[in-house]
Amino acid sequence: MQDEANISEQPIQSAQRSSDWKVLVDKVSYKGIVNNVPYLAFIVLLCVLYISNNQRTIETQRTLNVKNEELKELRWKYMDVKSRLMSAGMEAKVIVNASAFGLKPMMLPAYRINKDSTQK
């Protein structure tokens, strides 16, 4: 009894496998491709958008890297100029630079001349 059941199932399974194969071939055949043209066009469009977005992202990243390098260089220049300016504004440095022009620091403290005091 069991042998008869196994024998009767084998033709059904082999027929089912061949029908599965035929379904797959029909899907890949010309008719199957023509029926799925909108779906395939959508997949191609998605692939093109993916590639384009990837290229644009890479280009943006390269530009960003270049700008970051420029920013680092400008920051270093700013720090250098700032430190030079701070040292140039010190009183001792100003005196040394002014002595090259023949100027000397004042010995007396600064005072103010008022109009009122000169008229009396």
C-alpha atoms as a PDB file:
ATOM      1  CA  MET A   1       0.000   0.000   0.000  1.00  0.00           C
ATOM      2  CA  GLN A   2       2.740   2.398   0.891  1.00  0.00           C
ATOM      3  CA  ASP A   3       4.643   1.514  -2.275  1.00  0.00           C
ATOM      4  CA  GLU A   4       1.606   2.358  -4.380  1.00  0.00           C
ATOM      5  CA  ALA A   5       1.270   5.743  -2.635  1.00  0.00           C
ATOM      6  CA  ASN A   6       4.936   6.572  -3.259  1.00  0.00           C
ATOM      7  CA  ILE A   7       4.708   5.532  -6.890  1.00  0.00           C
ATOM      8  CA  SER A   8       1.591   7.615  -7.473  1.00  0.00           C
ATOM      9  CA  GLU A   9       3.235  10.718  -5.860  1.00  0.00           C
ATOM     10  CA  GLN A  10       6.378  10.578  -8.003  1.00  0.00           C
ATOM     11  CA  PRO A  11       4.680  11.412 -11.307  1.00  0.00           C
ATOM     12  CA  ILE A  12       2.812  14.246  -9.622  1.00  0.00           C
ATOM     13  CA  GLN A  13       6.036  15.700  -8.165  1.00  0.00           C
ATOM     14  CA  SER A  14       7.931  15.388 -11.439  1.00  0.00           C
ATOM     15  CA  ALA A  15       5.013  16.956 -13.320  1.00  0.00           C
ATOM     16  CA  GLN A  16       4.912  19.734 -10.747  1.00  0.00           C
ATOM     17  CA  ARG A  17       8.669  20.324 -11.074  1.00  0.00           C
ATOM     18  CA  SER A  18       8.429  20.533 -14.838  1.00  0.00           C
ATOM     19  CA  SER A  19       5.468  22.898 -14.562  1.00  0.00           C
ATOM     20  CA  ASP A  20       7.505  25.038 -12.133  1.00  0.00           C
ATOM     21  CA  TRP A  21      10.300  25.071 -14.702  1.00  0.00           C
ATOM     22  CA  LYS A  22       7.857  26.072 -17.440  1.00  0.00           C
ATOM     23  CA  VAL A  23       6.497  28.908 -15.268  1.00  0.00           C
ATOM     24  CA  LEU A  24      10.033  30.165 -14.687  1.00  0.00           C
ATOM     25  CA  VAL A  25      10.864  29.966 -18.405  1.00  0.00           C
ATOM     26  CA  ASP A  26       7.631  31.811 -19.232  1.00  0.00           C
ATOM     27  CA  LYS A  27       8.553  34.578 -16.812  1.00  0.00           C
ATOM     28  CA  VAL A  28      12.013  34.961 -18.370  1.00  0.00           C
ATOM     29  CA  SER A  29      10.819  34.547 -21.965  1.00  0.00           C
ATOM     30  CA  TYR A  30      10.035  37.405 -24.328  1.00  0.00           C
ATOM     31  CA  LYS A  31       6.371  37.412 -23.345  1.00  0.00           C
ATOM     32  CA  GLY A  32       7.275  37.554 -19.669  1.00  0.00           C
ATOM     33  CA  ILE A  33       9.696  40.412 -20.238  1.00  0.00           C
ATOM     34  CA  VAL A  34       7.146  42.374 -22.287  1.00  0.00           C
ATOM     35  CA  ASN A  35       4.530  41.930 -19.570  1.00  0.00           C
ATOM     36  CA  ASN A  36       6.972  43.200 -16.919  1.00  0.00           C
ATOM     37  CA  VAL A  37       8.393  46.212 -18.838  1.00  0.00           C
ATOM     38  CA  PRO A  38       6.943  48.817 -16.427  1.00  0.00           C
ATOM     39  CA  TYR A  39       8.380  46.981 -13.444  1.00  0.00           C
ATOM     40  CA  LEU A  40      11.767  46.576 -15.155  1.00  0.00           C
ATOM     41  CA  ALA A  41      11.766  50.270 -16.159  1.00  0.00           C
ATOM     42  CA  PHE A  42      11.065  51.208 -12.543  1.00  0.00           C
ATOM     43  CA  ILE A  43      13.959  49.009 -11.362  1.00  0.00           C
ATOM     44  CA  VAL A  44      16.288  50.603 -13.957  1.00  0.00           C
ATOM     45  CA  LEU A  45      15.170  54.076 -12.867  1.00  0.00           C
ATOM     46  CA  LEU A  46      15.901  53.224  -9.242  1.00  0.00           C
ATOM     47  CA  CYS A  47      19.359  51.939 -10.213  1.00  0.00           C
ATOM     48  CA  VAL A  48      20.129  55.121 -12.146  1.00  0.00           C
ATOM     49  CA  LEU A  49      18.966  57.283  -9.234  1.00  0.00           C
ATOM     50  CA  TYR A  50      21.038  55.238  -6.793  1.00  0.00           C
ATOM     51  CA  ILE A  51      24.194  55.569  -8.900  1.00  0.00           C
ATOM     52  CA  SER A  52      23.622  59.282  -9.494  1.00  0.00           C
ATOM     53  CA  ASN A  53      23.015  59.943  -5.799  1.00  0.00           C
ATOM     54  CA  ASN A  54      26.135  57.979  -4.884  1.00  0.00           C
ATOM     55  CA  GLN A  55      28.293  59.967  -7.332  1.00  0.00           C
ATOM     56  CA  ARG A  56      26.873  63.263  -6.082  1.00  0.00           C
ATOM     57  CA  THR A  57      27.547  62.267  -2.484  1.00  0.00           C
ATOM     58  CA  ILE A  58      31.153  61.352  -3.292  1.00  0.00           C
ATOM     59  CA  GLU A  59      31.695  64.689  -5.066  1.00  0.00           C
ATOM     60  CA  THR A  60      30.139  66.586  -2.152  1.00  0.00           C
ATOM     61  CA  GLN A  61      32.392  64.738   0.290  1.00  0.00           C
ATOM     62  CA  ARG A  62      35.480  65.638  -1.759  1.00  0.00           C
ATOM     63  CA  THR A  63      34.452  69.301  -1.828  1.00  0.00           C
ATOM     64  CA  LEU A  64      33.817  69.211   1.910  1.00  0.00           C
ATOM     65  CA  ASN A  65      37.282  67.742   2.538  1.00  0.00           C
ATOM     66  CA  VAL A  66      38.904  70.504   0.467  1.00  0.00           C
ATOM     67  CA  LYS A  67      36.952  73.188   2.341  1.00  0.00           C
ATOM     68  CA  ASN A  68      37.925  71.663   5.699  1.00  0.00           C
ATOM     69  CA  GLU A  69      41.604  71.788   4.721  1.00  0.00           C
ATOM     70  CA  GLU A  70      41.224  75.452   3.711  1.00  0.00           C
ATOM     71  CA  LEU A  71      39.473  76.165   7.009  1.00  0.00           C
ATOM     72  CA  LYS A  72      42.300  74.557   8.993  1.00  0.00           C
ATOM     73  CA  GLU A  73      44.887  76.622   7.105  1.00  0.00           C
ATOM     74  CA  LEU A  74      42.940  79.854   7.637  1.00  0.00           C
ATOM     75  CA  ARG A  75      42.515  79.047  11.323  1.00  0.00           C
ATOM     76  CA  TRP A  76      46.299  78.625  11.668  1.00  0.00           C
ATOM     77  CA  LYS A  77      46.880  81.932   9.872  1.00  0.00           C
ATOM     78  CA  TYR A  78      44.358  83.634  12.176  1.00  0.00           C
ATOM     79  CA  MET A  79      46.068  82.277  15.288  1.00  0.00           C
ATOM     80  CA  ASP A  80      49.472  83.390  13.967  1.00  0.00           C
ATOM     81  CA  VAL A  81      48.295  86.925  13.162  1.00  0.00           C
ATOM     82  CA  LYS A  82      46.477  87.165  16.490  1.00  0.00           C
ATOM     83  CA  SER A  83      49.583  86.170  18.454  1.00  0.00           C
ATOM     84  CA  ARG A  84      51.725  88.643  16.463  1.00  0.00           C
ATOM     85  CA  LEU A  85      49.219  91.420  17.097  1.00  0.00           C
ATOM     86  CA  MET A  86      49.110  90.654  20.813  1.00  0.00           C
ATOM     87  CA  SER A  87      52.875  90.791  21.078  1.00  0.00           C
ATOM     88  CA  ALA A  88      53.091  93.938  18.915  1.00  0.00           C
ATOM     89  CA  GLY A  89      50.694  95.766  21.232  1.00  0.00           C
ATOM     90  CA  MET A  90      52.814  95.256  24.364  1.00  0.00           C
ATOM     91  CA  GLU A  91      54.362  98.418  25.771  1.00  0.00           C
ATOM     92  CA  ALA A  92      57.947  97.155  25.592  1.00  0.00           C
ATOM     93  CA  LYS A  93      57.533  96.188  21.939  1.00  0.00           C
ATOM     94  CA  VAL A  94      55.950  99.556  21.108  1.00  0.00           C
ATOM     95  CA  ILE A  95      58.876 101.392  22.753  1.00  0.00           C
ATOM     96  CA  VAL A  96      61.414  99.366  20.753  1.00  0.00           C
ATOM     97  CA  ASN A  97      59.545  99.987  17.491  1.00  0.00           C
ATOM     98  CA  ALA A  98      59.104 103.713  18.230  1.00  0.00           C
ATOM     99  CA  SER A  99      62.797 104.165  19.036  1.00  0.00           C
ATOM    100  CA  ALA A 100      63.555 103.291  15.409  1.00  0.00           C
ATOM    101  CA  PHE A 101      61.703 106.527  14.471  1.00  0.00           C
ATOM    102  CA  GLY A 102      63.485 108.550  17.151  1.00  0.00           C
ATOM    103  CA  LEU A 103      60.556 108.634  19.571  1.00  0.00           C
ATOM    104  CA  LYS A 104      61.062 108.176  23.287  1.00  0.00           C
ATOM    105  CA  PRO A 105      58.602 107.352  26.042  1.00  0.00           C
ATOM    106  CA  MET A 106      57.294 110.254  28.126  1.00  0.00           C
ATOM    107  CA  MET A 107      58.981 110.815  31.479  1.00  0.00           C
ATOM    108  CA  LEU A 108      56.073 112.853  32.877  1.00  0.00           C
ATOM    109  CA  PRO A 109      52.530 111.541  33.152  1.00  0.00           C
ATOM    110  CA  ALA A 110      50.043 112.740  30.576  1.00  0.00           C
ATOM    111  CA  TYR A 111      47.924 115.792  31.390  1.00  0.00           C
ATOM    112  CA  ARG A 112      44.937 117.520  29.865  1.00  0.00           C
ATOM    113  CA  ILE A 113      44.731 121.120  28.692  1.00  0.00           C
ATOM    114  CA  ASN A 114      41.348 122.694  29.261  1.00  0.00           C
ATOM    115  CA  LYS A 115      40.079 125.831  27.468  1.00  0.00           C
ATOM    116  CA  ASP A 116      38.857 127.327  30.702  1.00  0.00           C
ATOM    117  CA  SER A 117      42.250 127.243  32.376  1.00  0.00           C
ATOM    118  CA  THR A 118      44.054 128.916  29.473  1.00  0.00           C
ATOM    119  CA  GLN A 119      41.755 131.956  29.283  1.00  0.00           C
ATOM    120  CA  LYS A 120      42.266 133.089  32.892  1.00  0.00           C
END
